[in-house]
Every structure is written in C-alpha cells, then in structure tokens.
Amino acid sequence: MIESENTNFVNNERGWVRVTNIASDAPPEEIKNLFGFCGFISAFDIKIEEDGTQTAIIEFWEKSAVTTACLLSNAVIRNKLIQVSLHLITNEEYESLQKNKSTDKPPEGVDPVAKQNKTAVVAQLFAKGYILADDVKNKAISWDTGNLNIKLKLEALGAVALQHAAAINEKYALTDKKDEFLALAAEKAKELEAILQSNRHVQTGIAKAKELDEKYHVVDSAVSFIETVKRKGKEILDETESEIAKKKAERERLNQAGSAPSLVVQNDQTRVEVENVGVTVLTQVDNTQVGVTVPTHVTVDDPQ
C-alpha cells in the first residue's frame, strides 16, 4: 500500500490524480466529462486556489485509470492547459472525498472503461473534439506496445511518481523488469553527482567549510563562545543586583540629605553607572562592549 504524509490508510484498489490550473469558470461536470473517458470516477473534490484557478482531486474506481488520466496533462479546458499528476491521497483529502462520492452506481467487478488501452482513449477524445498535447498519441501508443521505458512512464505520471518509484511500480505495475529500476537508480545517481560537480558554488562552499573548520575549529569555537556569553551574562546580572542594593541604600541616605547625585563604580572591564532612572552596567565580552540598563524605582518613606 502506498502511503503519503499524514496518511494512515487508503483503499489500495482506488487511484487518484491531482488536476491543477483549471480555469476559474470551468464547472465540475466539464472536468468529470473529460476524465470519465479514463475510467469510472468514484469521488471528486474541487477547490479554488489563491490565484483564481481551481484544483481537483479525482478518485478512480479502478486504479489503472490513473496512468491514462496522467497522459491528459496539457489538455485544453477553457483556454487553459491543465496539469495532471498521480496523487498520493492524505487522510484529510480521503475523508473529504467520501463526502463527495459519485451517486452513479459503480461497475460490478472490473471497470471496462479503465481497461481500455490508452490509444483507444486518446482516439475517442480527439474524436470528441478535445485539444490534447501534441505528443499524447505517441506516448499512448508507446505505452500500450511496451516501448515506453520506466523513466518516461514515471515522468508522465509526475513528480510524486518519480519520488516514490518503487512503491508506484508495485501498485500500478509499470514494469516487471528489475534491471530497468537498477538502471534508473544508477542514472539518477550520476545526474546528481554531475550537478554537484558542475556547480562551482557548491564545490567552493564545501571546500571552504572544511578549510575553516580545520583551521579555526569553528564548531568548537561556537560552543565555547556560547558558554562565554552565558558566563558573562551571569556576571553582569550578579553585579547589577549588587549595585541595585547599594543604590537603594545610597538613595535612602541621599533622600534624607535632599539630593541624589550619580554613582559610578568601575574596574578594568566593567563600569556601573547609577542614575535616578536606573543602573547601567557596561562590560567587555570578547572585545565587544555590552551594555545592560536595569530600571529602578526606589521609594523611601517619609520619616515619621
């Protein structure tokens, strides 16, 4: 069973496609009529996107209809090229589809429409006046005659199929030739390696990162710096609390004397300035001056 993210179970006999870039004024029935040539549609859900287009999730009673439906990418509906791809249904989408199930009676046993070969479906659509992609006829013939390799089949089904090639093949029986999968995996590995090797920015970045780490021990330095900041911060807090206590005592004395001048305490690294509005602590952390101001509000009761 194929499972997508947030999917705990799906009916493995059903198949789903996602149709995007549907014109805003295209009614659901128009979409259903097109894909009804591929197989019995057991559920259908459609929503409007932020850009004004519509996106539909179509459930086919017979999963084999999915591979035919995906050949309809770039078909024209109301002057827009729709995009069709195999879809891995989520639990949320599956529940939504159950509320939009077809009221038509499903086929008993095998769906005869879904069992048609792809060439026949494409021919019927052309005869009905649909505008399809230029290469759809050749793809359909190649698929039916076994002359379309696994890579081209997966590309026709969309990005999801390419990402989950083994699981998709297991469900949709795209090929029984294990050698094709091994060749595809090797080809993809070579493509990725070539991309990385040809991208000078990637190579330069990797080399520079290694160089900096070996020379400056970046990772160790980062951990050390964090610990230093924590330690300095605690020292500042301790000193600040101490000066606040001193200031309160000094304020009490000065209030009684009728004046409140500033108080400055300083050593080699830290300077504490006590003003009427608060305490400011200036200190050095790795050659960087850090300042912390703590507001104080001291109330001295009038002597009785």
Protein backbone atom coordinates (compact mmCIF):
# COMPACT_ATOMS: atom_id res chain seq x y z
CA MET A 1 0.00 0.00 0.00
CA ILE A 2 1.30 3.44 -0.88
CA GLU A 3 1.13 5.95 1.90
CA SER A 4 1.79 9.67 1.74
CA GLU A 5 2.49 12.02 4.63
CA ASN A 6 -0.40 12.11 7.14
CA THR A 7 -1.93 9.04 5.50
CA ASN A 8 -2.64 6.02 7.68
CA PHE A 9 -4.61 4.03 5.15
CA VAL A 10 -6.15 4.28 1.74
CA ASN A 11 -8.13 1.87 -0.38
CA ASN A 12 -5.44 0.20 -2.44
CA GLU A 13 -7.87 -0.65 -5.24
CA ARG A 14 -8.59 3.01 -5.93
CA GLY A 15 -6.35 5.52 -7.67
CA TRP A 16 -6.10 9.30 -7.51
CA VAL A 17 -4.93 12.13 -9.70
CA ARG A 18 -4.48 15.81 -8.94
CA VAL A 19 -5.54 18.25 -11.64
CA THR A 20 -4.28 21.84 -11.41
CA ASN A 21 -4.54 25.06 -13.43
CA ILE A 22 -8.23 24.55 -14.12
CA ALA A 23 -9.94 27.71 -15.39
CA SER A 24 -11.97 29.51 -12.73
CA ASP A 25 -15.15 29.32 -14.83
CA ALA A 26 -14.85 25.59 -15.62
CA PRO A 27 -17.71 23.71 -13.90
CA PRO A 28 -17.01 20.37 -12.17
CA GLU A 29 -19.07 18.46 -14.74
CA GLU A 30 -16.75 19.60 -17.53
CA ILE A 31 -13.75 18.15 -15.69
CA LYS A 32 -15.60 14.94 -14.90
CA ASN A 33 -16.66 14.50 -18.53
CA LEU A 34 -13.05 14.67 -19.70
CA PHE A 35 -11.65 12.23 -17.16
CA GLY A 36 -14.66 9.97 -17.41
CA PHE A 37 -13.10 8.67 -20.65
CA CYS A 38 -10.30 7.18 -18.50
CA GLY A 39 -12.47 5.29 -16.04
CA PHE A 40 -15.34 5.44 -13.56
CA ILE A 41 -14.93 8.42 -11.21
CA SER A 42 -15.97 7.26 -7.74
CA ALA A 43 -15.32 10.58 -5.96
CA PHE A 44 -14.48 14.12 -6.93
CA ASP A 45 -13.46 17.22 -4.99
CA ILE A 46 -12.52 20.65 -6.29
CA LYS A 47 -11.39 23.90 -4.67
CA ILE A 48 -10.42 27.42 -5.73
CA GLU A 49 -6.78 28.45 -5.29
CA GLU A 50 -5.48 31.89 -4.31
CA ASP A 51 -4.55 32.68 -7.92
CA GLY A 52 -8.15 32.08 -9.02
CA THR A 53 -7.57 28.73 -10.71
CA GLN A 54 -9.13 25.50 -9.50
CA THR A 55 -7.55 22.27 -8.29
CA ALA A 56 -9.38 18.94 -8.38
CA ILE A 57 -8.70 15.60 -6.72
CA ILE A 58 -10.23 12.74 -8.69
CA GLU A 59 -10.70 9.22 -7.34
CA PHE A 60 -10.98 6.43 -9.90
CA TRP A 61 -12.80 3.23 -9.01
CA GLU A 62 -10.16 1.29 -10.89
CA LYS A 63 -6.58 2.40 -10.13
CA SER A 64 -5.37 1.54 -13.65
CA ALA A 65 -7.30 4.58 -14.92
CA VAL A 66 -4.71 6.82 -13.24
CA THR A 67 -1.96 6.10 -15.76
CA THR A 68 -4.27 7.00 -18.64
CA ALA A 69 -5.52 10.15 -16.92
CA CYS A 70 -1.96 11.42 -16.41
CA LEU A 71 -1.46 11.44 -20.19
CA LEU A 72 -4.02 14.24 -20.33
CA SER A 73 -1.59 16.85 -18.97
CA ASN A 74 -1.65 19.94 -21.20
CA ALA A 75 -5.14 19.21 -22.45
CA VAL A 76 -7.03 22.47 -23.04
CA ILE A 77 -10.08 23.34 -20.97
CA ARG A 78 -11.50 26.83 -21.45
CA ASN A 79 -8.27 28.14 -22.97
CA LYS A 80 -6.07 26.87 -20.11
CA LEU A 81 -3.62 23.98 -20.14
CA ILE A 82 -4.49 21.69 -17.25
CA GLN A 83 -1.77 19.76 -15.44
CA VAL A 84 -2.41 16.19 -14.30
CA SER A 85 -0.28 14.08 -11.97
CA LEU A 86 -0.60 10.92 -9.94
CA HIS A 87 -1.56 11.83 -6.39
CA LEU A 88 -0.92 10.17 -3.03
CA ILE A 89 -4.03 10.84 -1.02
CA THR A 90 -3.88 12.14 2.56
CA ASN A 91 -6.31 11.19 5.32
CA GLU A 92 -7.88 14.65 5.21
CA GLU A 93 -8.36 14.51 1.45
CA TYR A 94 -9.70 10.96 1.63
CA GLU A 95 -12.31 11.97 4.21
CA SER A 96 -13.30 14.97 2.11
CA LEU A 97 -13.71 12.77 -0.96
CA GLN A 98 -16.04 10.43 0.93
CA LYS A 99 -18.41 13.39 1.29
CA ASN A 100 -18.28 13.88 -2.47
CA LYS A 101 -18.75 10.33 -3.69
CA SER A 102 -20.42 9.70 -7.02
CA THR A 103 -24.12 8.95 -6.90
CA ASP A 104 -23.78 6.76 -10.00
CA LYS A 105 -23.64 3.04 -9.49
CA PRO A 106 -20.03 1.78 -9.70
CA PRO A 107 -19.10 -1.05 -12.05
CA GLU A 108 -19.55 -4.58 -10.82
CA GLY A 109 -16.13 -6.14 -10.76
CA VAL A 110 -13.74 -4.75 -13.35
CA ASP A 111 -14.33 -1.29 -14.82
CA PRO A 112 -14.46 -1.84 -18.61
CA VAL A 113 -13.66 1.82 -19.35
CA ALA A 114 -10.47 1.74 -17.28
CA LYS A 115 -9.37 -1.47 -19.00
CA GLN A 116 -9.30 0.16 -22.44
CA ASN A 117 -5.88 0.68 -23.88
CA LYS A 118 -4.57 4.23 -23.80
CA THR A 119 -4.50 4.60 -27.57
CA ALA A 120 -8.26 3.93 -27.75
CA VAL A 121 -8.99 6.53 -25.05
CA VAL A 122 -6.90 9.19 -26.79
CA ALA A 123 -8.60 8.43 -30.11
CA GLN A 124 -12.04 8.86 -28.52
CA LEU A 125 -11.06 12.20 -27.02
CA PHE A 126 -9.75 13.50 -30.33
CA ALA A 127 -12.98 12.35 -31.98
CA LYS A 128 -14.99 14.33 -29.40
CA GLY A 129 -13.06 17.47 -30.28
CA TYR A 130 -10.82 17.73 -27.23
CA ILE A 131 -7.50 19.54 -27.68
CA LEU A 132 -4.72 17.39 -26.23
CA ALA A 133 -0.93 17.66 -26.01
CA ASP A 134 0.94 17.16 -29.29
CA ASP A 135 2.81 14.07 -28.09
CA VAL A 136 -0.04 12.34 -26.28
CA LYS A 137 -0.85 9.98 -29.17
CA ASN A 138 2.73 8.76 -29.49
CA LYS A 139 3.02 8.31 -25.71
CA ALA A 140 -0.19 6.29 -25.62
CA ILE A 141 0.95 4.02 -28.44
CA SER A 142 4.40 3.53 -26.90
CA TRP A 143 2.87 2.72 -23.51
CA ASP A 144 0.41 0.21 -24.99
CA THR A 145 3.07 -1.53 -27.08
CA GLY A 146 5.59 -1.73 -24.23
CA ASN A 147 8.03 0.65 -25.87
CA LEU A 148 7.90 3.32 -23.14
CA ASN A 149 10.63 2.76 -20.56
CA ILE A 150 10.13 3.12 -16.83
CA LYS A 151 11.73 6.57 -16.69
CA LEU A 152 9.37 8.03 -19.29
CA LYS A 153 6.38 6.40 -17.62
CA LEU A 154 7.28 7.91 -14.25
CA GLU A 155 7.84 11.31 -15.84
CA ALA A 156 4.39 11.10 -17.43
CA LEU A 157 2.86 10.33 -14.03
CA GLY A 158 4.52 13.34 -12.40
CA ALA A 159 6.94 14.33 -9.65
CA VAL A 160 5.31 12.17 -6.96
CA ALA A 161 5.82 9.05 -9.06
CA LEU A 162 9.48 9.90 -9.61
CA GLN A 163 9.99 10.35 -5.86
CA HIS A 164 8.31 7.06 -4.95
CA ALA A 165 9.23 4.99 -7.99
CA ALA A 166 9.38 1.57 -6.32
CA ALA A 167 6.08 1.95 -4.45
CA ILE A 168 4.32 3.35 -7.53
CA ASN A 169 5.55 0.47 -9.65
CA GLU A 170 4.34 -2.02 -7.06
CA LYS A 171 0.81 -0.56 -7.12
CA TYR A 172 0.47 0.28 -10.81
CA ALA A 173 2.64 -2.49 -12.32
CA LEU A 174 4.58 -0.16 -14.60
CA THR A 175 7.25 -2.75 -15.30
CA ASP A 176 8.33 -6.18 -14.11
CA LYS A 177 11.91 -5.62 -15.24
CA LYS A 178 14.13 -5.10 -12.21
CA ASP A 179 17.00 -4.17 -14.47
CA GLU A 180 15.06 -1.08 -15.53
CA PHE A 181 14.88 0.13 -11.94
CA LEU A 182 18.57 -0.52 -11.34
CA ALA A 183 19.44 1.38 -14.49
CA LEU A 184 17.13 4.24 -13.47
CA ALA A 185 18.68 4.46 -9.99
CA ALA A 186 22.19 4.49 -11.44
CA GLU A 187 21.21 7.17 -13.94
CA LYS A 188 19.71 9.38 -11.22
CA ALA A 189 22.83 8.99 -9.07
CA LYS A 190 25.04 10.02 -11.98
CA GLU A 191 22.82 13.01 -12.72
CA LEU A 192 23.01 14.19 -9.12
CA GLU A 193 26.77 13.72 -8.98
CA ALA A 194 27.20 15.63 -12.24
CA ILE A 195 25.06 18.50 -10.96
CA LEU A 196 27.08 18.80 -7.76
CA GLN A 197 30.42 18.54 -9.52
CA SER A 198 29.48 21.10 -12.16
CA ASN A 199 28.18 23.62 -9.65
CA ARG A 200 31.25 25.62 -8.65
CA HIS A 201 29.35 27.37 -5.87
CA VAL A 202 28.51 24.05 -4.23
CA GLN A 203 32.07 22.80 -4.53
CA THR A 204 33.55 26.08 -3.32
CA GLY A 205 31.20 26.12 -0.35
CA ILE A 206 32.07 22.56 0.67
CA ALA A 207 35.80 23.19 0.34
CA LYS A 208 35.64 26.46 2.27
CA ALA A 209 33.62 24.94 5.09
CA LYS A 210 36.16 22.15 5.50
CA GLU A 211 39.05 24.60 5.36
CA LEU A 212 37.57 26.90 8.02
CA ASP A 213 36.68 24.07 10.34
CA GLU A 214 40.15 22.51 10.09
CA LYS A 215 41.89 25.87 10.59
CA TYR A 216 39.72 27.52 13.21
CA HIS A 217 37.76 24.63 14.73
CA VAL A 218 34.56 26.50 14.03
CA VAL A 219 32.25 24.06 15.76
CA ASP A 220 34.30 24.00 18.97
CA SER A 221 34.67 27.80 18.88
CA ALA A 222 30.93 28.29 18.54
CA VAL A 223 30.24 26.14 21.60
CA SER A 224 32.95 27.96 23.57
CA PHE A 225 31.58 31.37 22.58
CA ILE A 226 28.07 30.44 23.75
CA GLU A 227 29.41 29.33 27.12
CA THR A 228 31.40 32.58 27.44
CA VAL A 229 28.32 34.66 26.74
CA LYS A 230 26.34 32.73 29.34
CA ARG A 231 29.08 33.23 31.93
CA LYS A 232 29.48 36.94 31.20
CA GLY A 233 25.73 37.41 31.31
CA LYS A 234 25.55 35.86 34.79
CA GLU A 235 28.42 38.05 35.99
CA ILE A 236 26.63 41.15 34.69
CA LEU A 237 23.39 40.10 36.39
CA ASP A 238 25.14 39.45 39.71
CA GLU A 239 26.96 42.78 39.57
CA THR A 240 23.76 44.59 38.62
CA GLU A 241 21.80 43.14 41.53
CA SER A 242 24.62 44.10 43.89
CA GLU A 243 24.68 47.67 42.63
CA ILE A 244 20.92 47.96 42.87
CA ALA A 245 21.13 47.01 46.52
CA LYS A 246 23.87 49.59 47.04
CA LYS A 247 21.84 52.21 45.19
CA LYS A 248 18.80 51.65 47.37
CA ALA A 249 20.87 52.18 50.47
CA GLU A 250 22.54 55.23 48.93
CA ARG A 251 19.17 56.63 47.79
CA GLU A 252 17.78 56.34 51.27
CA ARG A 253 20.75 58.23 52.65
CA LEU A 254 20.70 60.87 49.90
CA ASN A 255 16.93 61.36 50.08
CA GLN A 256 17.31 62.19 53.71
CA ALA A 257 20.05 64.66 52.76
CA GLY A 258 17.86 66.19 49.98
CA SER A 259 19.99 65.28 46.93
CA ALA A 260 20.63 62.31 44.62
CA PRO A 261 23.83 62.61 42.55
CA SER A 262 25.04 59.87 40.17
CA LEU A 263 27.10 56.97 41.48
CA VAL A 264 29.89 55.40 39.38
CA VAL A 265 31.70 52.14 40.20
CA GLN A 266 34.40 50.94 37.79
CA ASN A 267 37.13 48.32 37.40
CA ASP A 268 39.31 47.24 34.42
CA GLN A 269 36.47 45.61 32.48
CA THR A 270 33.21 46.80 34.00
CA ARG A 271 31.69 50.22 34.65
CA VAL A 272 28.49 50.63 36.66
CA GLU A 273 26.63 53.95 36.48
CA VAL A 274 23.81 54.51 38.97
CA GLU A 275 21.38 57.27 37.96
CA ASN A 276 18.00 58.37 39.20
CA VAL A 277 16.28 56.35 36.46
CA GLY A 278 18.26 53.14 36.78
CA VAL A 279 21.54 51.21 36.82
CA THR A 280 23.66 50.88 33.67
CA VAL A 281 26.35 48.17 33.51
CA LEU A 282 28.97 48.32 30.71
CA THR A 283 31.34 45.38 30.29
CA GLN A 284 33.51 43.66 27.68
CA VAL A 285 32.64 40.28 26.11
CA ASP A 286 35.31 39.07 23.65
CA ASN A 287 36.40 42.64 22.77
CA THR A 288 32.75 43.68 22.35
CA GLN A 289 31.18 46.23 24.68
CA VAL A 290 27.86 45.05 26.14
CA GLY A 291 25.50 47.35 27.99
CA VAL A 292 22.65 46.45 30.32
CA THR A 293 20.30 49.01 31.86
CA VAL A 294 18.09 47.98 34.78
CA PRO A 295 15.33 50.44 35.69
CA THR A 296 14.96 51.05 39.42
CA HIS A 297 12.13 52.51 41.32
CA VAL A 298 13.10 53.19 44.94
CA THR A 299 10.50 54.51 47.33
CA VAL A 300 11.68 55.95 50.62
CA ASP A 301 9.02 56.50 53.24
CA ASP A 302 8.89 59.95 54.80
CA PRO A 303 10.36 59.89 58.31
CA GLN A 304 7.70 59.91 60.91
